[in-house]
C-alpha atoms as a PDB file:
ATOM      1  CA  MET A   1     102.715  91.536 109.893  1.00  0.00           C
ATOM      2  CA  ARG A   2     104.571  94.745 109.570  1.00  0.00           C
ATOM      3  CA  ILE A   3     103.500  97.059 106.548  1.00  0.00           C
ATOM      4  CA  ILE A   4     105.375 100.354 105.811  1.00  0.00           C
ATOM      5  CA  THR A   5     104.286 102.789 103.275  1.00  0.00           C
ATOM      6  CA  LEU A   6     106.394 105.724 101.952  1.00  0.00           C
ATOM      7  CA  ASN A   7     106.178 108.281  99.104  1.00  0.00           C
ATOM      8  CA  CYS A   8     110.037 108.171  98.476  1.00  0.00           C
ATOM      9  CA  ASN A   9     109.645 111.051  96.033  1.00  0.00           C
ATOM     10  CA  GLY A  10     112.346 109.207  93.830  1.00  0.00           C
ATOM     11  CA  ILE A  11     113.454 105.755  94.721  1.00  0.00           C
ATOM     12  CA  ARG A  12     116.959 106.352  93.643  1.00  0.00           C
ATOM     13  CA  SER A  13     117.094 109.557  95.591  1.00  0.00           C
ATOM     14  CA  ALA A  14     115.624 107.813  98.897  1.00  0.00           C
ATOM     15  CA  ALA A  15     118.239 105.152  98.385  1.00  0.00           C
ATOM     16  CA  ARG A  16     120.985 107.707  98.341  1.00  0.00           C
ATOM     17  CA  LYS A  17     119.482 109.100 101.618  1.00  0.00           C
ATOM     18  CA  GLY A  18     119.841 105.480 103.310  1.00  0.00           C
ATOM     19  CA  LEU A  19     116.284 104.136 102.665  1.00  0.00           C
ATOM     20  CA  PHE A  20     117.672 100.600 102.087  1.00  0.00           C
ATOM     21  CA  ASP A  21     120.088 100.796 104.920  1.00  0.00           C
ATOM     22  CA  TRP A  22     117.219 101.717 107.249  1.00  0.00           C
ATOM     23  CA  LEU A  23     114.907  99.001 105.929  1.00  0.00           C
ATOM     24  CA  PRO A  24     116.669  95.828 107.515  1.00  0.00           C
ATOM     25  CA  GLN A  25     116.294  97.355 110.918  1.00  0.00           C
ATOM     26  CA  GLN A  26     112.473  97.616 110.916  1.00  0.00           C
ATOM     27  CA  ASN A  27     111.525  94.048 110.787  1.00  0.00           C
ATOM     28  CA  ALA A  28     109.048  94.720 108.046  1.00  0.00           C
ATOM     29  CA  ASP A  29     107.185  92.052 105.890  1.00  0.00           C
ATOM     30  CA  VAL A  30     106.117  94.591 103.119  1.00  0.00           C
ATOM     31  CA  LEU A  31     107.266  98.020 102.016  1.00  0.00           C
ATOM     32  CA  CYS A  32     105.050 100.065  99.799  1.00  0.00           C
ATOM     33  CA  LEU A  33     106.543 102.963  97.766  1.00  0.00           C
ATOM     34  CA  GLN A  34     104.974 105.512  95.660  1.00  0.00           C
ATOM     35  CA  GLU A  35     106.320 108.143  93.269  1.00  0.00           C
ATOM     36  CA  ILE A  36     109.628 106.115  92.486  1.00  0.00           C
ATOM     37  CA  LYS A  37     110.274 108.219  89.443  1.00  0.00           C
ATOM     38  CA  ALA A  38     112.189 105.502  87.598  1.00  0.00           C
ATOM     39  CA  GLN A  39     111.900 103.157  84.916  1.00  0.00           C
ATOM     40  CA  MET A  40     112.813  99.514  85.048  1.00  0.00           C
ATOM     41  CA  SER A  41     115.881 100.178  83.026  1.00  0.00           C
ATOM     42  CA  ASP A  42     117.145 102.426  85.626  1.00  0.00           C
ATOM     43  CA  LEU A  43     116.746  99.826  88.330  1.00  0.00           C
ATOM     44  CA  GLU A  44     117.428  96.514  86.798  1.00  0.00           C
ATOM     45  CA  GLY A  45     121.169  95.282  87.572  1.00  0.00           C
ATOM     46  CA  ASP A  46     121.334  97.421  90.697  1.00  0.00           C
ATOM     47  CA  GLU A  47     121.183  95.253  93.752  1.00  0.00           C
ATOM     48  CA  THR A  48     120.157  98.220  95.997  1.00  0.00           C
ATOM     49  CA  PHE A  49     116.721  97.795  94.342  1.00  0.00           C
ATOM     50  CA  ALA A  50     116.665  93.897  94.788  1.00  0.00           C
ATOM     51  CA  PRO A  51     117.796  93.550  98.470  1.00  0.00           C
ATOM     52  CA  LEU A  52     118.606  90.012  99.622  1.00  0.00           C
ATOM     53  CA  GLY A  53     115.577  88.355 101.099  1.00  0.00           C
ATOM     54  CA  TRP A  54     112.995  90.684  99.370  1.00  0.00           C
ATOM     55  CA  HIS A  55     110.798  90.016  96.414  1.00  0.00           C
ATOM     56  CA  ALA A  56     110.688  93.476  94.481  1.00  0.00           C
ATOM     57  CA  HIS A  57     108.114  94.569  92.052  1.00  0.00           C
ATOM     58  CA  PHE A  58     107.632  97.926  90.299  1.00  0.00           C
ATOM     59  CA  ASN A  59     104.917  99.612  88.104  1.00  0.00           C
ATOM     60  CA  HIS A  60     106.642 102.655  86.406  1.00  0.00           C
ATOM     61  CA  ALA A  61     104.909 105.443  84.669  1.00  0.00           C
ATOM     62  CA  GLN A  62     105.422 105.756  80.779  1.00  0.00           C
ATOM     63  CA  LYS A  63     106.802 109.272  81.447  1.00  0.00           C
ATOM     64  CA  LYS A  64     110.488 109.251  82.622  1.00  0.00           C
ATOM     65  CA  GLY A  65     110.992 110.563  86.107  1.00  0.00           C
ATOM     66  CA  TYR A  66     107.433 110.578  87.112  1.00  0.00           C
ATOM     67  CA  ALA A  67     104.937 108.955  89.562  1.00  0.00           C
ATOM     68  CA  GLY A  68     105.166 105.104  89.599  1.00  0.00           C
ATOM     69  CA  THR A  69     104.758 102.580  92.409  1.00  0.00           C
ATOM     70  CA  GLY A  70     106.874  99.627  93.927  1.00  0.00           C
ATOM     71  CA  LEU A  71     106.347  96.935  96.560  1.00  0.00           C
ATOM     72  CA  PHE A  72     108.733  94.890  98.266  1.00  0.00           C
ATOM     73  CA  SER A  73     107.721  91.698 100.152  1.00  0.00           C
ATOM     74  CA  LYS A  74     109.422  89.167 102.366  1.00  0.00           C
ATOM     75  CA  ARG A  75     107.192  86.511 101.063  1.00  0.00           C
ATOM     76  CA  GLU A  76     106.797  85.751  97.456  1.00  0.00           C
ATOM     77  CA  PRO A  77     103.107  86.847  96.407  1.00  0.00           C
ATOM     78  CA  ASP A  78     100.866  84.518  94.680  1.00  0.00           C
ATOM     79  CA  GLU A  79      99.932  87.160  92.226  1.00  0.00           C
ATOM     80  CA  VAL A  80     100.998  90.582  91.048  1.00  0.00           C
ATOM     81  CA  LEU A  81      98.522  93.146  89.614  1.00  0.00           C
ATOM     82  CA  ASP A  82      99.262  96.444  88.160  1.00  0.00           C
ATOM     83  CA  ARG A  83      96.384  97.464  85.855  1.00  0.00           C
ATOM     84  CA  LEU A  84      93.162  99.234  87.152  1.00  0.00           C
ATOM     85  CA  GLY A  85      91.557  99.517  83.703  1.00  0.00           C
ATOM     86  CA  ALA A  86      91.959 103.259  82.829  1.00  0.00           C
ATOM     87  CA  ALA A  87      94.699 104.205  80.510  1.00  0.00           C
ATOM     88  CA  GLU A  88      95.139 107.646  82.128  1.00  0.00           C
ATOM     89  CA  PHE A  89      96.145 106.239  85.365  1.00  0.00           C
ATOM     90  CA  ASP A  90      97.635 103.048  84.477  1.00  0.00           C
ATOM     91  CA  ASP A  91     100.086 104.873  82.106  1.00  0.00           C
ATOM     92  CA  GLU A  92     101.335 106.806  85.192  1.00  0.00           C
ATOM     93  CA  GLY A  93     102.026 103.557  87.344  1.00  0.00           C
ATOM     94  CA  ARG A  94      99.581 104.505  90.161  1.00  0.00           C
ATOM     95  CA  TYR A  95      98.606 101.206  91.332  1.00  0.00           C
ATOM     96  CA  LEU A  96     100.430  97.928  92.255  1.00  0.00           C
ATOM     97  CA  GLU A  97      98.783  94.940  94.247  1.00  0.00           C
ATOM     98  CA  LEU A  98     100.357  91.770  95.806  1.00  0.00           C
ATOM     99  CA  ARG A  99      98.358  88.961  96.667  1.00  0.00           C
ATOM    100  CA  PHE A 100      99.211  86.619  99.546  1.00  0.00           C
ATOM    101  CA  GLY A 101      96.196  84.032  99.798  1.00  0.00           C
ATOM    102  CA  GLN A 102      93.218  86.069 100.915  1.00  0.00           C
ATOM    103  CA  LEU A 103      95.244  89.179 101.672  1.00  0.00           C
ATOM    104  CA  SER A 104      95.800  92.055  99.126  1.00  0.00           C
ATOM    105  CA  VAL A 105      98.431  94.523  99.845  1.00  0.00           C
ATOM    106  CA  VAL A 106      98.204  97.727  97.481  1.00  0.00           C
ATOM    107  CA  SER A 107     100.611 100.542  96.904  1.00  0.00           C
ATOM    108  CA  LEU A 108      98.559 103.471  95.469  1.00  0.00           C
ATOM    109  CA  TYR A 109      99.620 106.780  94.468  1.00  0.00           C
ATOM    110  CA  LEU A 110      96.644 109.272  93.803  1.00  0.00           C
ATOM    111  CA  PRO A 111      97.177 112.236  91.655  1.00  0.00           C
ATOM    112  CA  SER A 112      97.912 115.728  93.131  1.00  0.00           C
ATOM    113  CA  GLY A 113      96.040 118.731  92.166  1.00  0.00           C
ATOM    114  CA  SER A 114      98.425 121.202  93.563  1.00  0.00           C
ATOM    115  CA  ALA A 115     100.026 121.894  90.183  1.00  0.00           C
ATOM    116  CA  GLY A 116      97.012 123.682  88.854  1.00  0.00           C
ATOM    117  CA  PRO A 117      93.477 123.071  87.275  1.00  0.00           C
ATOM    118  CA  GLU A 118      94.601 120.595  84.728  1.00  0.00           C
ATOM    119  CA  ARG A 119      96.188 118.285  87.275  1.00  0.00           C
ATOM    120  CA  GLN A 120      93.209 118.739  89.600  1.00  0.00           C
ATOM    121  CA  ALA A 121      90.795 117.782  86.794  1.00  0.00           C
ATOM    122  CA  SER A 122      92.819 114.721  86.602  1.00  0.00           C
ATOM    123  CA  LYS A 123      92.767 113.947  90.271  1.00  0.00           C
ATOM    124  CA  ASP A 124      88.918 114.521  90.211  1.00  0.00           C
ATOM    125  CA  ARG A 125      88.745 111.920  87.399  1.00  0.00           C
ATOM    126  CA  PHE A 126      90.781 109.455  89.487  1.00  0.00           C
ATOM    127  CA  LEU A 127      88.453 109.894  92.503  1.00  0.00           C
ATOM    128  CA  GLU A 128      85.322 109.274  90.132  1.00  0.00           C
ATOM    129  CA  PHE A 129      86.782 106.290  88.506  1.00  0.00           C
ATOM    130  CA  PHE A 130      88.490 104.633  91.763  1.00  0.00           C
ATOM    131  CA  LYS A 131      85.514 104.826  93.978  1.00  0.00           C
ATOM    132  CA  PRO A 132      83.666 101.962  92.172  1.00  0.00           C
ATOM    133  CA  VAL A 133      86.921 100.095  92.159  1.00  0.00           C
ATOM    134  CA  LEU A 134      87.204 100.269  96.009  1.00  0.00           C
ATOM    135  CA  ASP A 135      83.427  99.399  96.406  1.00  0.00           C
ATOM    136  CA  GLU A 136      84.214  96.301  94.336  1.00  0.00           C
ATOM    137  CA  TRP A 137      87.362  95.401  96.512  1.00  0.00           C
ATOM    138  CA  ALA A 138      85.295  95.751  99.658  1.00  0.00           C
ATOM    139  CA  ALA A 139      82.636  93.598  98.259  1.00  0.00           C
ATOM    140  CA  SER A 140      85.018  90.996  97.023  1.00  0.00           C
ATOM    141  CA  GLY A 141      85.561  89.026 100.257  1.00  0.00           C
ATOM    142  CA  ARG A 142      89.187  89.636 100.276  1.00  0.00           C
ATOM    143  CA  ASP A 143      91.172  91.417 102.985  1.00  0.00           C
ATOM    144  CA  TYR A 144      92.673  94.566 101.745  1.00  0.00           C
ATOM    145  CA  VAL A 145      95.438  96.853 103.142  1.00  0.00           C
ATOM    146  CA  VAL A 146      95.544  99.810 100.573  1.00  0.00           C
ATOM    147  CA  CYS A 147      98.573 101.791 101.363  1.00  0.00           C
ATOM    148  CA  GLY A 148      99.606 104.989  99.879  1.00  0.00           C
ATOM    149  CA  ASP A 149      99.883 108.698  99.202  1.00  0.00           C
ATOM    150  CA  TRP A 150      96.291 109.588  98.765  1.00  0.00           C
ATOM    151  CA  ASN A 151      96.798 113.393  98.622  1.00  0.00           C
ATOM    152  CA  ILE A 152      93.970 114.009 100.865  1.00  0.00           C
ATOM    153  CA  ALA A 153      93.774 115.316 104.529  1.00  0.00           C
ATOM    154  CA  ARG A 154      90.300 114.239 105.664  1.00  0.00           C
ATOM    155  CA  THR A 155      89.712 116.555 108.521  1.00  0.00           C
ATOM    156  CA  LYS A 156      91.032 119.612 110.328  1.00  0.00           C
ATOM    157  CA  ILE A 157      93.190 117.549 112.640  1.00  0.00           C
ATOM    158  CA  ASP A 158      95.031 116.026 109.788  1.00  0.00           C
ATOM    159  CA  LEU A 159      96.671 119.172 108.856  1.00  0.00           C
ATOM    160  CA  LYS A 160      98.279 122.121 110.692  1.00  0.00           C
ATOM    161  CA  ASN A 161      96.798 124.998 108.788  1.00  0.00           C
ATOM    162  CA  TRP A 162      93.301 123.927 108.042  1.00  0.00           C
ATOM    163  CA  ARG A 163      91.740 127.186 107.831  1.00  0.00           C
ATOM    164  CA  SER A 164      93.891 128.506 105.194  1.00  0.00           C
ATOM    165  CA  ASN A 165      93.946 125.518 102.997  1.00  0.00           C
ATOM    166  CA  GLN A 166      90.254 124.945 102.663  1.00  0.00           C
ATOM    167  CA  LYS A 167      90.375 126.188  99.030  1.00  0.00           C
ATOM    168  CA  ASN A 168      93.576 124.172  98.208  1.00  0.00           C
ATOM    169  CA  SER A 169      93.937 120.917  96.492  1.00  0.00           C
ATOM    170  CA  GLY A 170      94.127 118.176  99.157  1.00  0.00           C
ATOM    171  CA  PHE A 171      91.575 119.698 101.514  1.00  0.00           C
ATOM    172  CA  LEU A 172      88.841 120.650  99.238  1.00  0.00           C
ATOM    173  CA  PRO A 173      85.280 119.983 100.383  1.00  0.00           C
ATOM    174  CA  HIS A 174      84.743 117.405  97.651  1.00  0.00           C
ATOM    175  CA  GLU A 175      87.829 115.478  98.156  1.00  0.00           C
ATOM    176  CA  ARG A 176      87.173 115.254 101.881  1.00  0.00           C
ATOM    177  CA  ALA A 177      83.520 114.272 101.205  1.00  0.00           C
ATOM    178  CA  TRP A 178      84.983 111.419  98.903  1.00  0.00           C
ATOM    179  CA  MET A 179      87.139 110.132 101.861  1.00  0.00           C
ATOM    180  CA  ASP A 180      84.233 110.404 104.312  1.00  0.00           C
ATOM    181  CA  ALA A 181      82.348 108.191 101.791  1.00  0.00           C
ATOM    182  CA  LEU A 182      84.938 105.487 102.110  1.00  0.00           C
ATOM    183  CA  LEU A 183      85.344 105.837 105.870  1.00  0.00           C
ATOM    184  CA  GLY A 184      81.790 106.615 106.947  1.00  0.00           C
ATOM    185  CA  SER A 185      81.265 107.676 110.601  1.00  0.00           C
ATOM    186  CA  THR A 186      81.046 106.226 114.170  1.00  0.00           C
ATOM    187  CA  GLU A 187      77.245 105.911 113.711  1.00  0.00           C
ATOM    188  CA  ALA A 188      77.445 104.491 110.101  1.00  0.00           C
ATOM    189  CA  PRO A 189      80.805 102.871 109.459  1.00  0.00           C
ATOM    190  CA  GLY A 190      81.992 102.725 105.799  1.00  0.00           C
ATOM    191  CA  ALA A 191      83.466  99.982 103.700  1.00  0.00           C
ATOM    192  CA  TRP A 192      87.150 100.954 104.771  1.00  0.00           C
ATOM    193  CA  VAL A 193      88.944 101.787 107.956  1.00  0.00           C
ATOM    194  CA  ASP A 194      91.571 104.290 108.358  1.00  0.00           C
ATOM    195  CA  GLY A 195      94.324 102.123 110.104  1.00  0.00           C
ATOM    196  CA  TYR A 196      96.252 104.906 111.862  1.00  0.00           C
ATOM    197  CA  ARG A 197      93.079 106.711 113.295  1.00  0.00           C
ATOM    198  CA  GLN A 198      91.757 103.445 114.515  1.00  0.00           C
ATOM    199  CA  LEU A 199      94.580 103.441 117.266  1.00  0.00           C
ATOM    200  CA  HIS A 200      95.095 107.086 117.440  1.00  0.00           C
ATOM    201  CA  PRO A 201      91.667 108.807 116.800  1.00  0.00           C
ATOM    202  CA  THR A 202      92.674 112.255 118.076  1.00  0.00           C
ATOM    203  CA  LEU A 203      96.437 112.508 117.893  1.00  0.00           C
ATOM    204  CA  GLU A 204      97.349 115.351 115.805  1.00  0.00           C
ATOM    205  CA  ALA A 205     100.899 116.662 115.334  1.00  0.00           C
ATOM    206  CA  GLU A 206     102.628 113.225 115.434  1.00  0.00           C
ATOM    207  CA  ALA A 207     100.305 111.994 112.773  1.00  0.00           C
ATOM    208  CA  TYR A 208     101.459 114.200 110.045  1.00  0.00           C
ATOM    209  CA  THR A 209     103.135 112.464 107.137  1.00  0.00           C
ATOM    210  CA  TRP A 210     104.310 115.388 104.621  1.00  0.00           C
ATOM    211  CA  TRP A 211     105.822 118.789 104.924  1.00  0.00           C
ATOM    212  CA  SER A 212     106.193 121.299 102.051  1.00  0.00           C
ATOM    213  CA  ASN A 213     109.777 122.033 101.012  1.00  0.00           C
ATOM    214  CA  ARG A 214     108.944 125.811 101.477  1.00  0.00           C
ATOM    215  CA  GLY A 215     109.858 127.671 104.335  1.00  0.00           C
ATOM    216  CA  ASN A 216     110.457 125.992 107.590  1.00  0.00           C
ATOM    217  CA  ALA A 217     107.387 123.545 107.336  1.00  0.00           C
ATOM    218  CA  TYR A 218     109.324 120.537 108.629  1.00  0.00           C
ATOM    219  CA  ALA A 219     111.260 122.259 111.437  1.00  0.00           C
ATOM    220  CA  ASN A 220     108.074 123.860 112.706  1.00  0.00           C
ATOM    221  CA  ASN A 221     105.999 120.640 111.936  1.00  0.00           C
ATOM    222  CA  VAL A 222     103.456 122.487 109.756  1.00  0.00           C
ATOM    223  CA  GLY A 223     102.521 119.234 108.042  1.00  0.00           C
ATOM    224  CA  TRP A 224      99.624 117.210 106.504  1.00  0.00           C
ATOM    225  CA  ARG A 225      98.512 113.640 106.938  1.00  0.00           C
ATOM    226  CA  ILE A 226      97.971 112.495 103.600  1.00  0.00           C
ATOM    227  CA  ASP A 227      99.478 109.018 103.674  1.00  0.00           C
ATOM    228  CA  TYR A 228      97.151 106.200 104.807  1.00  0.00           C
ATOM    229  CA  GLN A 229      96.646 102.382 105.189  1.00  0.00           C
ATOM    230  CA  LEU A 230      93.123 101.971 104.587  1.00  0.00           C
ATOM    231  CA  VAL A 231      92.120  98.400 105.532  1.00  0.00           C
ATOM    232  CA  SER A 232      89.116  96.343 105.228  1.00  0.00           C
ATOM    233  CA  PRO A 233      86.834  96.056 108.217  1.00  0.00           C
ATOM    234  CA  SER A 234      87.690  92.474 108.789  1.00  0.00           C
ATOM    235  CA  LEU A 235      91.426  93.845 109.762  1.00  0.00           C
ATOM    236  CA  LYS A 236      90.248  96.515 112.026  1.00  0.00           C
ATOM    237  CA  ASP A 237      90.814  94.795 115.207  1.00  0.00           C
ATOM    238  CA  LYS A 238      93.938  93.086 114.120  1.00  0.00           C
ATOM    239  CA  ILE A 239      95.990  96.665 114.002  1.00  0.00           C
ATOM    240  CA  LYS A 240      98.297  96.586 116.937  1.00  0.00           C
ATOM    241  CA  LEU A 241     100.743  99.377 116.194  1.00  0.00           C
ATOM    242  CA  ALA A 242     100.548 102.660 114.078  1.00  0.00           C
ATOM    243  CA  THR A 243     103.615 104.929 113.763  1.00  0.00           C
ATOM    244  CA  VAL A 244     105.040 107.807 111.652  1.00  0.00           C
ATOM    245  CA  ALA A 245     108.698 107.930 111.522  1.00  0.00           C
ATOM    246  CA  ARG A 246     109.814 111.514 111.248  1.00  0.00           C
ATOM    247  CA  THR A 247     113.436 110.777 111.266  1.00  0.00           C
ATOM    248  CA  PRO A 248     115.494 109.570 109.420  1.00  0.00           C
ATOM    249  CA  ARG A 249     114.279 111.721 106.471  1.00  0.00           C
ATOM    250  CA  PHE A 250     114.172 109.781 102.840  1.00  0.00           C
ATOM    251  CA  SER A 251     111.844 112.318 101.256  1.00  0.00           C
ATOM    252  CA  ASP A 252     109.409 115.094 101.870  1.00  0.00           C
ATOM    253  CA  HIS A 253     106.976 112.306 103.299  1.00  0.00           C
ATOM    254  CA  ALA A 254     107.675 110.062 106.265  1.00  0.00           C
ATOM    255  CA  PRO A 255     107.181 106.460 106.444  1.00  0.00           C
ATOM    256  CA  LEU A 256     103.873 105.195 108.051  1.00  0.00           C
ATOM    257  CA  THR A 257     104.167 101.782 109.847  1.00  0.00           C
ATOM    258  CA  LEU A 258     101.323  99.485 110.899  1.00  0.00           C
ATOM    259  CA  ASP A 259     101.426  96.283 112.609  1.00  0.00           C
ATOM    260  CA  TYR A 260      98.782  93.533 112.040  1.00  0.00           C
ATOM    261  CA  SER A 261      98.182  90.384 113.754  1.00  0.00           C
ATOM    262  CA  LEU A 262      97.893  88.235 110.831  1.00  0.00           C
END
């Protein structure tokens, strides 16, 4: 099973840049999108967003042109879920889950705190709210693949300029500690597994999934790894491939692809 996740920074923009021309060549089973920045009324009736052979589902934000998630699957899901139970985040369309038997695939878009203290406070509220949700999922007995833009680089090998970013949102000590609590350590594994790092524990530059639009960050590969597929420990040994596609470019993020022997 091949799962691709991408913060598309606007699904219509990514489509114009060739996302849905590229997709058929990838042999994917599931495509998870974040930050679709579109309402259902923007997408309905356009065949671009209902490609032949795919089941398309969206959870848009109430605010137009903002946030939102999408999931495309070759197989029709048994169930579609789009509410976490917190209005602040549900109103922003930050979660979408497809269930296939015992497997859940989630498209998740964590808030970014880089716009200022108010957005960082919202991000911190999300982290506090979402940790028990993840704990509940981990204890449920289901197999989970939680894909998305987590807006956190966990360790210093996950961004180019880690020294100068220690006081910036996305690499704050409490954010990294939150990720550590999910993933644990070699000595004491957590309830979740970082799918990419399972296969590439030390690889640095090729792992980046986001580059600032400022300066020449992309050209100089001054990137961050903030897009993940976190999986249940039961899937850890089923990960067979993990790659980041730097080209072609559909947004300021790159697609992250993992193959599972499911």
